[in-house]
């Protein structure tokens, strides 16, 4: 199911000229992770890579959430909030966070990002 998406991921990375998070070594590590562990192996390899190279707490939180590391994902979302990460504007609709969206900590964070009196009324 993920094979085609996996191949396209690397095509996109190669086309994104100047992508600071892409390297042949990173690609090799991600391919190895996928070969050994499927999509979860890829996610683990991507998480390890982001932890070394990225200061984007939200991106790291996404991979933690995918891997079921709920507490760590929530801690990183709090850090992202403290750093005013614009990407947090989408956390309520991002399916990556659906498994943690009912956690009280996630709900409190959402309330700070989207105060109830400012939420769109349906």
PDB file of N, CA and C in Angstrom:
ATOM      1  N   UNK A   1       0.815  -1.192   0.000  1.00  0.00           N
ATOM      2  CA  UNK A   1       0.000   0.000   0.000  1.00  0.00           C
ATOM      3  C   UNK A   1       0.864   1.264   0.000  1.00  0.00           C
ATOM      4  N   UNK A   2       1.956   1.235   0.705  1.00  0.00           N
ATOM      5  CA  UNK A   2       2.782   2.434   0.840  1.00  0.00           C
ATOM      6  C   UNK A   2       3.908   2.517  -0.191  1.00  0.00           C
ATOM      7  N   UNK A   3       4.124   1.455  -0.965  1.00  0.00           N
ATOM      8  CA  UNK A   3       5.273   1.424  -1.868  1.00  0.00           C
ATOM      9  C   UNK A   3       5.298   2.594  -2.850  1.00  0.00           C
ATOM     10  N   UNK A   4       4.162   2.878  -3.476  1.00  0.00           N
ATOM     11  CA  UNK A   4       4.113   3.964  -4.458  1.00  0.00           C
ATOM     12  C   UNK A   4       4.327   5.321  -3.781  1.00  0.00           C
ATOM     13  N   UNK A   5       3.692   5.521  -2.644  1.00  0.00           N
ATOM     14  CA  UNK A   5       3.860   6.780  -1.904  1.00  0.00           C
ATOM     15  C   UNK A   5       5.309   6.951  -1.459  1.00  0.00           C
ATOM     16  N   UNK A   6       5.914   5.863  -1.032  1.00  0.00           N
ATOM     17  CA  UNK A   6       7.308   5.887  -0.594  1.00  0.00           C
ATOM     18  C   UNK A   6       8.217   6.323  -1.744  1.00  0.00           C
ATOM     19  N   UNK A   7       8.005   5.750  -2.925  1.00  0.00           N
ATOM     20  CA  UNK A   7       8.809   6.118  -4.096  1.00  0.00           C
ATOM     21  C   UNK A   7       8.603   7.589  -4.459  1.00  0.00           C
ATOM     22  N   UNK A   8       7.372   8.062  -4.404  1.00  0.00           N
ATOM     23  CA  UNK A   8       7.084   9.462  -4.721  1.00  0.00           C
ATOM     24  C   UNK A   8       7.707  10.414  -3.707  1.00  0.00           C
ATOM     25  N   UNK A   9       7.762  10.000  -2.461  1.00  0.00           N
ATOM     26  CA  UNK A   9       8.384  10.824  -1.422  1.00  0.00           C
ATOM     27  C   UNK A   9       9.811  11.186  -1.839  1.00  0.00           C
ATOM     28  N   UNK A  10      10.565  10.200  -2.324  1.00  0.00           N
ATOM     29  CA  UNK A  10      11.948  10.471  -2.716  1.00  0.00           C
ATOM     30  C   UNK A  10      12.025  11.279  -4.002  1.00  0.00           C
ATOM     31  N   UNK A  11      11.094  11.091  -4.906  1.00  0.00           N
ATOM     32  CA  UNK A  11      11.067  11.931  -6.108  1.00  0.00           C
ATOM     33  C   UNK A  11      10.871  13.393  -5.724  1.00  0.00           C
ATOM     34  N   UNK A  12       9.962  13.644  -4.815  1.00  0.00           N
ATOM     35  CA  UNK A  12       9.696  15.014  -4.362  1.00  0.00           C
ATOM     36  C   UNK A  12      10.917  15.595  -3.660  1.00  0.00           C
ATOM     37  N   UNK A  13      11.557  14.804  -2.810  1.00  0.00           N
ATOM     38  CA  UNK A  13      12.737  15.283  -2.096  1.00  0.00           C
ATOM     39  C   UNK A  13      13.847  15.675  -3.069  1.00  0.00           C
ATOM     40  N   UNK A  14      14.031  14.876  -4.105  1.00  0.00           N
ATOM     41  CA  UNK A  14      15.074  15.171  -5.091  1.00  0.00           C
ATOM     42  C   UNK A  14      14.740  16.419  -5.913  1.00  0.00           C
ATOM     43  N   UNK A  15      13.456  16.621  -6.186  1.00  0.00           N
ATOM     44  CA  UNK A  15      13.037  17.784  -6.975  1.00  0.00           C
ATOM     45  C   UNK A  15      13.082  19.083  -6.183  1.00  0.00           C
ATOM     46  N   UNK A  16      13.027  18.976  -4.879  1.00  0.00           N
ATOM     47  CA  UNK A  16      13.044  20.165  -4.019  1.00  0.00           C
ATOM     48  C   UNK A  16      14.488  20.639  -3.885  1.00  0.00           C
ATOM     49  N   UNK A  17      14.952  21.318  -4.891  1.00  0.00           N
ATOM     50  CA  UNK A  17      16.337  21.798  -4.907  1.00  0.00           C
ATOM     51  C   UNK A  17      16.609  22.646  -3.673  1.00  0.00           C
ATOM     52  N   UNK A  18      17.728  22.395  -3.051  1.00  0.00           N
ATOM     53  CA  UNK A  18      18.101  23.170  -1.878  1.00  0.00           C
ATOM     54  C   UNK A  18      17.458  22.683  -0.596  1.00  0.00           C
ATOM     55  N   UNK A  19      16.793  21.549  -0.635  1.00  0.00           N
ATOM     56  CA  UNK A  19      16.166  20.992   0.562  1.00  0.00           C
ATOM     57  C   UNK A  19      17.264  20.616   1.554  1.00  0.00           C
ATOM     58  N   UNK A  20      17.333  21.343   2.642  1.00  0.00           N
ATOM     59  CA  UNK A  20      18.400  21.124   3.618  1.00  0.00           C
ATOM     60  C   UNK A  20      18.240  19.823   4.393  1.00  0.00           C
ATOM     61  N   UNK A  21      17.048  19.247   4.366  1.00  0.00           N
ATOM     62  CA  UNK A  21      16.825  18.007   5.104  1.00  0.00           C
ATOM     63  C   UNK A  21      16.972  16.775   4.219  1.00  0.00           C
ATOM     64  N   UNK A  22      17.426  16.958   2.989  1.00  0.00           N
ATOM     65  CA  UNK A  22      17.618  15.816   2.096  1.00  0.00           C
ATOM     66  C   UNK A  22      19.101  15.588   1.879  1.00  0.00           C
ATOM     67  N   UNK A  23      19.493  14.338   1.913  1.00  0.00           N
ATOM     68  CA  UNK A  23      20.849  13.942   1.550  1.00  0.00           C
ATOM     69  C   UNK A  23      20.795  12.479   1.127  1.00  0.00           C
ATOM     70  N   UNK A  24      21.813  12.049   0.412  1.00  0.00           N
ATOM     71  CA  UNK A  24      21.871  10.647  -0.007  1.00  0.00           C
ATOM     72  C   UNK A  24      21.917   9.729   1.212  1.00  0.00           C
ATOM     73  N   UNK A  25      22.637  10.147   2.249  1.00  0.00           N
ATOM     74  CA  UNK A  25      22.724   9.333   3.470  1.00  0.00           C
ATOM     75  C   UNK A  25      21.360   9.223   4.149  1.00  0.00           C
ATOM     76  N   UNK A  26      20.620  10.334   4.164  1.00  0.00           N
ATOM     77  CA  UNK A  26      19.278  10.313   4.759  1.00  0.00           C
ATOM     78  C   UNK A  26      18.372   9.387   3.960  1.00  0.00           C
ATOM     79  N   UNK A  27      18.452   9.485   2.643  1.00  0.00           N
ATOM     80  CA  UNK A  27      17.628   8.614   1.801  1.00  0.00           C
ATOM     81  C   UNK A  27      17.960   7.150   2.058  1.00  0.00           C
ATOM     82  N   UNK A  28      19.227   6.842   2.149  1.00  0.00           N
ATOM     83  CA  UNK A  28      19.640   5.457   2.408  1.00  0.00           C
ATOM     84  C   UNK A  28      19.083   4.952   3.739  1.00  0.00           C
ATOM     85  N   UNK A  29      19.158   5.790   4.754  1.00  0.00           N
ATOM     86  CA  UNK A  29      18.642   5.419   6.071  1.00  0.00           C
ATOM     87  C   UNK A  29      17.134   5.185   6.031  1.00  0.00           C
ATOM     88  N   UNK A  30      16.414   6.049   5.335  1.00  0.00           N
ATOM     89  CA  UNK A  30      14.963   5.914   5.233  1.00  0.00           C
ATOM     90  C   UNK A  30      14.578   4.683   4.421  1.00  0.00           C
ATOM     91  N   UNK A  31      15.300   4.436   3.344  1.00  0.00           N
ATOM     92  CA  UNK A  31      15.030   3.237   2.534  1.00  0.00           C
ATOM     93  C   UNK A  31      15.281   1.971   3.352  1.00  0.00           C
ATOM     94  N   UNK A  32      16.345   1.974   4.129  1.00  0.00           N
ATOM     95  CA  UNK A  32      16.657   0.818   4.974  1.00  0.00           C
ATOM     96  C   UNK A  32      15.554   0.615   6.018  1.00  0.00           C
ATOM     97  N   UNK A  33      15.129   1.705   6.643  1.00  0.00           N
ATOM     98  CA  UNK A  33      14.052   1.614   7.626  1.00  0.00           C
ATOM     99  C   UNK A  33      12.790   1.034   7.024  1.00  0.00           C
ATOM    100  N   UNK A  34      12.447   1.481   5.817  1.00  0.00           N
ATOM    101  CA  UNK A  34      11.249   0.984   5.145  1.00  0.00           C
ATOM    102  C   UNK A  34      11.408  -0.491   4.777  1.00  0.00           C
ATOM    103  N   UNK A  35      12.575  -0.848   4.251  1.00  0.00           N
ATOM    104  CA  UNK A  35      12.817  -2.242   3.849  1.00  0.00           C
ATOM    105  C   UNK A  35      12.733  -3.188   5.046  1.00  0.00           C
ATOM    106  N   UNK A  36      13.216  -2.736   6.188  1.00  0.00           N
ATOM    107  CA  UNK A  36      13.252  -3.599   7.376  1.00  0.00           C
ATOM    108  C   UNK A  36      11.964  -3.574   8.188  1.00  0.00           C
ATOM    109  N   UNK A  37      11.239  -2.462   8.142  1.00  0.00           N
ATOM    110  CA  UNK A  37      10.074  -2.356   9.020  1.00  0.00           C
ATOM    111  C   UNK A  37       8.823  -1.786   8.394  1.00  0.00           C
ATOM    112  N   UNK A  38       8.781  -1.713   7.064  1.00  0.00           N
ATOM    113  CA  UNK A  38       7.598  -1.150   6.422  1.00  0.00           C
ATOM    114  C   UNK A  38       7.435   0.319   6.773  1.00  0.00           C
ATOM    115  N   UNK A  39       6.195   0.769   6.764  1.00  0.00           N
ATOM    116  CA  UNK A  39       5.951   2.193   6.997  1.00  0.00           C
ATOM    117  C   UNK A  39       6.387   2.614   8.401  1.00  0.00           C
ATOM    118  N   UNK A  40       6.213   1.742   9.389  1.00  0.00           N
ATOM    119  CA  UNK A  40       6.656   2.102  10.744  1.00  0.00           C
ATOM    120  C   UNK A  40       8.176   2.216  10.808  1.00  0.00           C
ATOM    121  N   UNK A  41       8.870   1.381  10.068  1.00  0.00           N
ATOM    122  CA  UNK A  41      10.325   1.486   9.996  1.00  0.00           C
ATOM    123  C   UNK A  41      10.757   2.799   9.366  1.00  0.00           C
ATOM    124  N   UNK A  42      10.025   3.220   8.327  1.00  0.00           N
ATOM    125  CA  UNK A  42      10.287   4.513   7.703  1.00  0.00           C
ATOM    126  C   UNK A  42      10.051   5.630   8.701  1.00  0.00           C
ATOM    127  N   UNK A  43       8.911   5.572   9.411  1.00  0.00           N
ATOM    128  CA  UNK A  43       8.596   6.617  10.386  1.00  0.00           C
ATOM    129  C   UNK A  43       9.668   6.703  11.470  1.00  0.00           C
ATOM    130  N   UNK A  44      10.136   5.557  11.947  1.00  0.00           N
ATOM    131  CA  UNK A  44      11.189   5.549  12.979  1.00  0.00           C
ATOM    132  C   UNK A  44      12.470   6.171  12.444  1.00  0.00           C
ATOM    133  N   UNK A  45      12.837   5.822  11.215  1.00  0.00           N
ATOM    134  CA  UNK A  45      14.047   6.386  10.615  1.00  0.00           C
ATOM    135  C   UNK A  45      13.888   7.887  10.391  1.00  0.00           C
ATOM    136  N   UNK A  46      12.721   8.297   9.952  1.00  0.00           N
ATOM    137  CA  UNK A  46      12.469   9.732   9.725  1.00  0.00           C
ATOM    138  C   UNK A  46      12.506  10.498  11.045  1.00  0.00           C
ATOM    139  N   UNK A  47      11.933   9.903  12.086  1.00  0.00           N
ATOM    140  CA  UNK A  47      11.964  10.521  13.413  1.00  0.00           C
ATOM    141  C   UNK A  47      13.404  10.694  13.888  1.00  0.00           C
ATOM    142  N   UNK A  48      14.204   9.653  13.758  1.00  0.00           N
ATOM    143  CA  UNK A  48      15.611   9.735  14.176  1.00  0.00           C
ATOM    144  C   UNK A  48      16.342  10.827  13.401  1.00  0.00           C
ATOM    145  N   UNK A  49      16.057  10.926  12.110  1.00  0.00           N
ATOM    146  CA  UNK A  49      16.685  11.948  11.285  1.00  0.00           C
ATOM    147  C   UNK A  49      16.267  13.347  11.725  1.00  0.00           C
ATOM    148  N   UNK A  50      14.963  13.547  11.928  1.00  0.00           N
ATOM    149  CA  UNK A  50      14.469  14.867  12.329  1.00  0.00           C
ATOM    150  C   UNK A  50      15.004  15.281  13.695  1.00  0.00           C
ATOM    151  N   UNK A  51      15.142  14.329  14.588  1.00  0.00           N
ATOM    152  CA  UNK A  51      15.660  14.647  15.922  1.00  0.00           C
ATOM    153  C   UNK A  51      17.081  15.189  15.851  1.00  0.00           C
ATOM    154  N   UNK A  52      17.843  14.754  14.868  1.00  0.00           N
ATOM    155  CA  UNK A  52      19.226  15.215  14.719  1.00  0.00           C
ATOM    156  C   UNK A  52      19.332  16.512  13.924  1.00  0.00           C
ATOM    157  N   UNK A  53      18.437  16.701  12.954  1.00  0.00           N
ATOM    158  CA  UNK A  53      18.613  17.781  11.995  1.00  0.00           C
ATOM    159  C   UNK A  53      17.599  18.905  12.045  1.00  0.00           C
ATOM    160  N   UNK A  54      16.474  18.693  12.680  1.00  0.00           N
ATOM    161  CA  UNK A  54      15.399  19.678  12.599  1.00  0.00           C
ATOM    162  C   UNK A  54      15.117  20.288  13.959  1.00  0.00           C
ATOM    163  N   UNK A  55      14.728  21.539  13.937  1.00  0.00           N
ATOM    164  CA  UNK A  55      14.302  22.216  15.165  1.00  0.00           C
ATOM    165  C   UNK A  55      12.792  22.424  15.136  1.00  0.00           C
ATOM    166  N   UNK A  56      12.125  21.669  14.272  1.00  0.00           N
ATOM    167  CA  UNK A  56      10.677  21.786  14.112  1.00  0.00           C
ATOM    168  C   UNK A  56       9.986  20.787  15.035  1.00  0.00           C
ATOM    169  N   UNK A  57       9.590  21.265  16.204  1.00  0.00           N
ATOM    170  CA  UNK A  57       8.951  20.394  17.191  1.00  0.00           C
ATOM    171  C   UNK A  57       7.668  19.773  16.651  1.00  0.00           C
ATOM    172  N   UNK A  58       6.958  20.503  15.824  1.00  0.00           N
ATOM    173  CA  UNK A  58       5.713  19.982  15.265  1.00  0.00           C
ATOM    174  C   UNK A  58       5.984  18.786  14.354  1.00  0.00           C
ATOM    175  N   UNK A  59       6.990  18.885  13.510  1.00  0.00           N
ATOM    176  CA  UNK A  59       7.324  17.770  12.610  1.00  0.00           C
ATOM    177  C   UNK A  59       7.714  16.530  13.408  1.00  0.00           C
ATOM    178  N   UNK A  60       8.496  16.717  14.448  1.00  0.00           N
ATOM    179  CA  UNK A  60       8.896  15.587  15.291  1.00  0.00           C
ATOM    180  C   UNK A  60       7.671  15.023  16.009  1.00  0.00           C
ATOM    181  N   UNK A  61       6.794  15.895  16.488  1.00  0.00           N
ATOM    182  CA  UNK A  61       5.565  15.458  17.167  1.00  0.00           C
ATOM    183  C   UNK A  61       4.697  14.613  16.239  1.00  0.00           C
ATOM    184  N   UNK A  62       4.654  14.965  14.969  1.00  0.00           N
ATOM    185  CA  UNK A  62       3.852  14.198  14.010  1.00  0.00           C
ATOM    186  C   UNK A  62       4.332  12.754  13.930  1.00  0.00           C
ATOM    187  N   UNK A  63       5.640  12.558  13.873  1.00  0.00           N
ATOM    188  CA  UNK A  63       6.160  11.190  13.791  1.00  0.00           C
ATOM    189  C   UNK A  63       5.996  10.452  15.111  1.00  0.00           C
ATOM    190  N   UNK A  64       6.118  11.155  16.210  1.00  0.00           N
ATOM    191  CA  UNK A  64       5.852  10.524  17.511  1.00  0.00           C
ATOM    192  C   UNK A  64       4.400  10.057  17.579  1.00  0.00           C
ATOM    193  N   UNK A  65       3.485  10.885  17.111  1.00  0.00           N
ATOM    194  CA  UNK A  65       2.063  10.517  17.116  1.00  0.00           C
ATOM    195  C   UNK A  65       1.818   9.312  16.215  1.00  0.00           C
ATOM    196  N   UNK A  66       2.432   9.305  15.051  1.00  0.00           N
ATOM    197  CA  UNK A  66       2.277   8.163  14.140  1.00  0.00           C
ATOM    198  C   UNK A  66       2.738   6.865  14.798  1.00  0.00           C
ATOM    199  N   UNK A  67       3.776   6.967  15.602  1.00  0.00           N
ATOM    200  CA  UNK A  67       4.366   5.782  16.240  1.00  0.00           C
ATOM    201  C   UNK A  67       3.734   5.451  17.587  1.00  0.00           C
ATOM    202  N   UNK A  68       2.715   6.201  17.976  1.00  0.00           N
ATOM    203  CA  UNK A  68       2.026   5.913  19.230  1.00  0.00           C
ATOM    204  C   UNK A  68       2.718   6.449  20.467  1.00  0.00           C
ATOM    205  N   UNK A  69       3.684   7.340  20.289  1.00  0.00           N
ATOM    206  CA  UNK A  69       4.392   7.949  21.419  1.00  0.00           C
ATOM    207  C   UNK A  69       3.613   9.191  21.866  1.00  0.00           C
ATOM    208  N   UNK A  70       2.470   8.937  22.462  1.00  0.00           N
ATOM    209  CA  UNK A  70       1.497   9.975  22.803  1.00  0.00           C
ATOM    210  C   UNK A  70       2.071  11.060  23.718  1.00  0.00           C
ATOM    211  N   UNK A  71       2.674  10.667  24.833  1.00  0.00           N
ATOM    212  CA  UNK A  71       3.188  11.656  25.786  1.00  0.00           C
ATOM    213  C   UNK A  71       4.257  12.540  25.150  1.00  0.00           C
ATOM    214  N   UNK A  72       5.131  11.909  24.405  1.00  0.00           N
ATOM    215  CA  UNK A  72       6.201  12.669  23.759  1.00  0.00           C
ATOM    216  C   UNK A  72       5.627  13.618  22.703  1.00  0.00           C
ATOM    217  N   UNK A  73       4.656  13.149  21.950  1.00  0.00           N
ATOM    218  CA  UNK A  73       4.023  14.005  20.941  1.00  0.00           C
ATOM    219  C   UNK A  73       3.387  15.225  21.595  1.00  0.00           C
ATOM    220  N   UNK A  74       2.696  15.009  22.695  1.00  0.00           N
ATOM    221  CA  UNK A  74       2.039  16.127  23.383  1.00  0.00           C
ATOM    222  C   UNK A  74       3.052  17.110  23.966  1.00  0.00           C
ATOM    223  N   UNK A  75       4.140  16.601  24.502  1.00  0.00           N
ATOM    224  CA  UNK A  75       5.203  17.472  25.018  1.00  0.00           C
ATOM    225  C   UNK A  75       5.777  18.330  23.890  1.00  0.00           C
ATOM    226  N   UNK A  76       5.999  17.716  22.735  1.00  0.00           N
ATOM    227  CA  UNK A  76       6.541  18.457  21.594  1.00  0.00           C
ATOM    228  C   UNK A  76       5.545  19.470  21.037  1.00  0.00           C
ATOM    229  N   UNK A  77       4.271  19.143  21.075  1.00  0.00           N
ATOM    230  CA  UNK A  77       3.259  20.115  20.643  1.00  0.00           C
ATOM    231  C   UNK A  77       3.261  21.333  21.558  1.00  0.00           C
ATOM    232  N   UNK A  78       3.450  21.105  22.846  1.00  0.00           N
ATOM    233  CA  UNK A  78       3.553  22.230  23.791  1.00  0.00           C
ATOM    234  C   UNK A  78       4.768  23.094  23.463  1.00  0.00           C
ATOM    235  N   UNK A  79       5.898  22.451  23.151  1.00  0.00           N
ATOM    236  CA  UNK A  79       7.096  23.205  22.774  1.00  0.00           C
ATOM    237  C   UNK A  79       6.849  24.009  21.499  1.00  0.00           C
ATOM    238  N   UNK A  80       6.177  23.383  20.539  1.00  0.00           N
ATOM    239  CA  UNK A  80       5.861  24.079  19.287  1.00  0.00           C
ATOM    240  C   UNK A  80       4.976  25.290  19.560  1.00  0.00           C
ATOM    241  N   UNK A  81       4.047  25.141  20.492  1.00  0.00           N
ATOM    242  CA  UNK A  81       3.177  26.261  20.869  1.00  0.00           C
ATOM    243  C   UNK A  81       4.017  27.386  21.484  1.00  0.00           C
ATOM    244  N   UNK A  82       4.941  27.030  22.348  1.00  0.00           N
ATOM    245  CA  UNK A  82       5.815  28.019  22.973  1.00  0.00           C
ATOM    246  C   UNK A  82       6.677  28.756  21.968  1.00  0.00           C
ATOM    247  N   UNK A  83       6.954  28.113  20.851  1.00  0.00           N
ATOM    248  CA  UNK A  83       7.762  28.725  19.792  1.00  0.00           C
ATOM    249  C   UNK A  83       6.893  29.364  18.703  1.00  0.00           C
ATOM    250  N   UNK A  84       5.586  29.409  18.940  1.00  0.00           N
ATOM    251  CA  UNK A  84       4.636  30.040  18.008  1.00  0.00           C
ATOM    252  C   UNK A  84       4.684  29.404  16.617  1.00  0.00           C
ATOM    253  N   UNK A  85       4.740  28.081  16.578  1.00  0.00           N
ATOM    254  CA  UNK A  85       4.790  27.361  15.310  1.00  0.00           C
ATOM    255  C   UNK A  85       3.457  27.520  14.579  1.00  0.00           C
ATOM    256  N   UNK A  86       3.502  28.115  13.408  1.00  0.00           N
ATOM    257  CA  UNK A  86       2.293  28.401  12.641  1.00  0.00           C
ATOM    258  C   UNK A  86       1.539  27.132  12.249  1.00  0.00           C
ATOM    259  N   UNK A  87       2.257  26.037  12.077  1.00  0.00           N
ATOM    260  CA  UNK A  87       1.633  24.781  11.682  1.00  0.00           C
ATOM    261  C   UNK A  87       0.610  24.256  12.668  1.00  0.00           C
ATOM    262  N   UNK A  88       0.663  24.742  13.896  1.00  0.00           N
ATOM    263  CA  UNK A  88      -0.313  24.308  14.899  1.00  0.00           C
ATOM    264  C   UNK A  88      -1.737  24.700  14.521  1.00  0.00           C
ATOM    265  N   UNK A  89      -1.874  25.626  13.607  1.00  0.00           N
ATOM    266  CA  UNK A  89      -3.210  26.044  13.172  1.00  0.00           C
ATOM    267  C   UNK A  89      -3.994  24.895  12.546  1.00  0.00           C
ATOM    268  N   UNK A  90      -3.306  23.826  12.181  1.00  0.00           N
ATOM    269  CA  UNK A  90      -3.968  22.704  11.512  1.00  0.00           C
ATOM    270  C   UNK A  90      -4.101  21.457  12.381  1.00  0.00           C
ATOM    271  N   UNK A  91      -3.676  21.512  13.633  1.00  0.00           N
ATOM    272  CA  UNK A  91      -3.644  20.268  14.415  1.00  0.00           C
ATOM    273  C   UNK A  91      -5.018  19.660  14.648  1.00  0.00           C
ATOM    274  N   UNK A  92      -6.053  20.463  14.675  1.00  0.00           N
ATOM    275  CA  UNK A  92      -7.386  19.904  14.921  1.00  0.00           C
ATOM    276  C   UNK A  92      -7.925  19.122  13.725  1.00  0.00           C
ATOM    277  N   UNK A  93      -7.387  19.350  12.557  1.00  0.00           N
ATOM    278  CA  UNK A  93      -7.862  18.648  11.364  1.00  0.00           C
ATOM    279  C   UNK A  93      -6.823  17.692  10.782  1.00  0.00           C
ATOM    280  N   UNK A  94      -5.648  17.652  11.361  1.00  0.00           N
ATOM    281  CA  UNK A  94      -4.593  16.764  10.876  1.00  0.00           C
ATOM    282  C   UNK A  94      -4.851  15.351  11.395  1.00  0.00           C
ATOM    283  N   UNK A  95      -5.093  14.383  10.498  1.00  0.00           N
ATOM    284  CA  UNK A  95      -5.397  13.024  10.952  1.00  0.00           C
ATOM    285  C   UNK A  95      -4.266  12.365  11.737  1.00  0.00           C
ATOM    286  N   UNK A  96      -3.059  12.870  11.607  1.00  0.00           N
ATOM    287  CA  UNK A  96      -1.938  12.329  12.376  1.00  0.00           C
ATOM    288  C   UNK A  96      -2.221  12.404  13.871  1.00  0.00           C
ATOM    289  N   UNK A  97      -2.950  13.432  14.284  1.00  0.00           N
ATOM    290  CA  UNK A  97      -3.202  13.636  15.708  1.00  0.00           C
ATOM    291  C   UNK A  97      -4.562  13.104  16.172  1.00  0.00           C
ATOM    292  N   UNK A  98      -5.260  12.372  15.330  1.00  0.00           N
ATOM    293  CA  UNK A  98      -6.605  11.907  15.708  1.00  0.00           C
ATOM    294  C   UNK A  98      -6.582  11.000  16.937  1.00  0.00           C
ATOM    295  N   UNK A  99      -5.552  10.180  17.093  1.00  0.00           N
ATOM    296  CA  UNK A  99      -5.488   9.280  18.253  1.00  0.00           C
ATOM    297  C   UNK A  99      -5.230  10.006  19.569  1.00  0.00           C
ATOM    298  N   UNK A 100      -4.695  11.203  19.505  1.00  0.00           N
ATOM    299  CA  UNK A 100      -4.431  11.937  20.750  1.00  0.00           C
ATOM    300  C   UNK A 100      -5.376  13.122  20.936  1.00  0.00           C
ATOM    301  N   UNK A 101      -6.270  13.323  19.983  1.00  0.00           N
ATOM    302  CA  UNK A 101      -7.131  14.514  20.031  1.00  0.00           C
ATOM    303  C   UNK A 101      -8.126  14.512  21.188  1.00  0.00           C
ATOM    304  N   UNK A 102      -8.390  13.363  21.783  1.00  0.00           N
ATOM    305  CA  UNK A 102      -9.318  13.312  22.918  1.00  0.00           C
ATOM    306  C   UNK A 102      -8.597  13.408  24.260  1.00  0.00           C
ATOM    307  N   UNK A 103      -7.284  13.445  24.224  1.00  0.00           N
ATOM    308  CA  UNK A 103      -6.505  13.597  25.453  1.00  0.00           C
ATOM    309  C   UNK A 103      -6.730  15.008  26.009  1.00  0.00           C
ATOM    310  N   UNK A 104      -6.902  15.106  27.305  1.00  0.00           N
ATOM    311  CA  UNK A 104      -7.171  16.407  27.941  1.00  0.00           C
ATOM    312  C   UNK A 104      -6.065  17.422  27.647  1.00  0.00           C
ATOM    313  N   UNK A 105      -4.820  16.967  27.556  1.00  0.00           N
ATOM    314  CA  UNK A 105      -3.708  17.886  27.268  1.00  0.00           C
ATOM    315  C   UNK A 105      -3.828  18.461  25.859  1.00  0.00           C
ATOM    316  N   UNK A 106      -4.234  17.628  24.919  1.00  0.00           N
ATOM    317  CA  UNK A 106      -4.438  18.092  23.546  1.00  0.00           C
ATOM    318  C   UNK A 106      -5.589  19.089  23.502  1.00  0.00           C
ATOM    319  N   UNK A 107      -6.654  18.774  24.219  1.00  0.00           N
ATOM    320  CA  UNK A 107      -7.817  19.667  24.253  1.00  0.00           C
ATOM    321  C   UNK A 107      -7.466  21.023  24.865  1.00  0.00           C
ATOM    322  N   UNK A 108      -6.668  21.024  25.937  1.00  0.00           N
ATOM    323  CA  UNK A 108      -6.254  22.299  26.550  1.00  0.00           C
ATOM    324  C   UNK A 108      -5.386  23.107  25.588  1.00  0.00           C
ATOM    325  N   UNK A 109      -4.481  22.420  24.899  1.00  0.00           N
ATOM    326  CA  UNK A 109      -3.640  23.102  23.917  1.00  0.00           C
ATOM    327  C   UNK A 109      -4.507  23.681  22.797  1.00  0.00           C
ATOM    328  N   UNK A 110      -5.452  22.903  22.321  1.00  0.00           N
ATOM    329  CA  UNK A 110      -6.364  23.384  21.272  1.00  0.00           C
ATOM    330  C   UNK A 110      -7.138  24.608  21.736  1.00  0.00           C
ATOM    331  N   UNK A 111      -7.558  24.600  22.995  1.00  0.00           N
ATOM    332  CA  UNK A 111      -8.294  25.752  23.531  1.00  0.00           C
ATOM    333  C   UNK A 111      -7.425  27.008  23.574  1.00  0.00           C
ATOM    334  N   UNK A 112      -6.121  26.837  23.789  1.00  0.00           N
ATOM    335  CA  UNK A 112      -5.229  28.000  23.777  1.00  0.00           C
ATOM    336  C   UNK A 112      -4.988  28.499  22.353  1.00  0.00           C
ATOM    337  N   UNK A 113      -4.913  27.564  21.412  1.00  0.00           N
ATOM    338  CA  UNK A 113      -4.688  27.947  20.016  1.00  0.00           C
ATOM    339  C   UNK A 113      -5.955  28.538  19.413  1.00  0.00           C
ATOM    340  N   UNK A 114      -7.080  27.910  19.725  1.00  0.00           N
ATOM    341  CA  UNK A 114      -8.377  28.307  19.174  1.00  0.00           C
ATOM    342  C   UNK A 114      -9.337  28.593  20.321  1.00  0.00           C
ATOM    343  N   UNK A 115      -9.243  29.769  20.935  1.00  0.00           N
ATOM    344  CA  UNK A 115     -10.172  30.081  22.027  1.00  0.00           C
ATOM    345  C   UNK A 115     -11.616  29.893  21.565  1.00  0.00           C
ATOM    346  N   UNK A 116     -12.427  29.353  22.445  1.00  0.00           N
ATOM    347  CA  UNK A 116     -13.808  29.005  22.085  1.00  0.00           C
ATOM    348  C   UNK A 116     -14.585  30.176  21.489  1.00  0.00           C
ATOM    349  N   UNK A 117     -14.366  31.376  21.990  1.00  0.00           N
ATOM    350  CA  UNK A 117     -15.113  32.524  21.463  1.00  0.00           C
ATOM    351  C   UNK A 117     -14.621  32.966  20.085  1.00  0.00           C
ATOM    352  N   UNK A 118     -13.493  32.410  19.623  1.00  0.00           N
ATOM    353  CA  UNK A 118     -12.976  32.764  18.305  1.00  0.00           C
ATOM    354  C   UNK A 118     -13.160  31.646  17.290  1.00  0.00           C
ATOM    355  N   UNK A 119     -13.675  30.500  17.726  1.00  0.00           N
ATOM    356  CA  UNK A 119     -13.857  29.377  16.812  1.00  0.00           C
ATOM    357  C   UNK A 119     -15.004  29.652  15.861  1.00  0.00           C
ATOM    358  N   UNK A 120     -14.856  29.118  14.676  1.00  0.00           N
ATOM    359  CA  UNK A 120     -15.909  29.270  13.669  1.00  0.00           C
ATOM    360  C   UNK A 120     -17.149  28.518  14.144  1.00  0.00           C
ATOM    361  N   UNK A 121     -18.267  29.190  14.087  1.00  0.00           N
ATOM    362  CA  UNK A 121     -19.521  28.555  14.494  1.00  0.00           C
ATOM    363  C   UNK A 121     -20.142  27.874  13.284  1.00  0.00           C
ATOM    364  N   UNK A 122     -20.632  26.641  13.506  1.00  0.00           N
ATOM    365  CA  UNK A 122     -21.263  25.936  12.384  1.00  0.00           C
ATOM    366  C   UNK A 122     -22.751  26.155  12.378  1.00  0.00           C
TER     367      UNK A 122
END
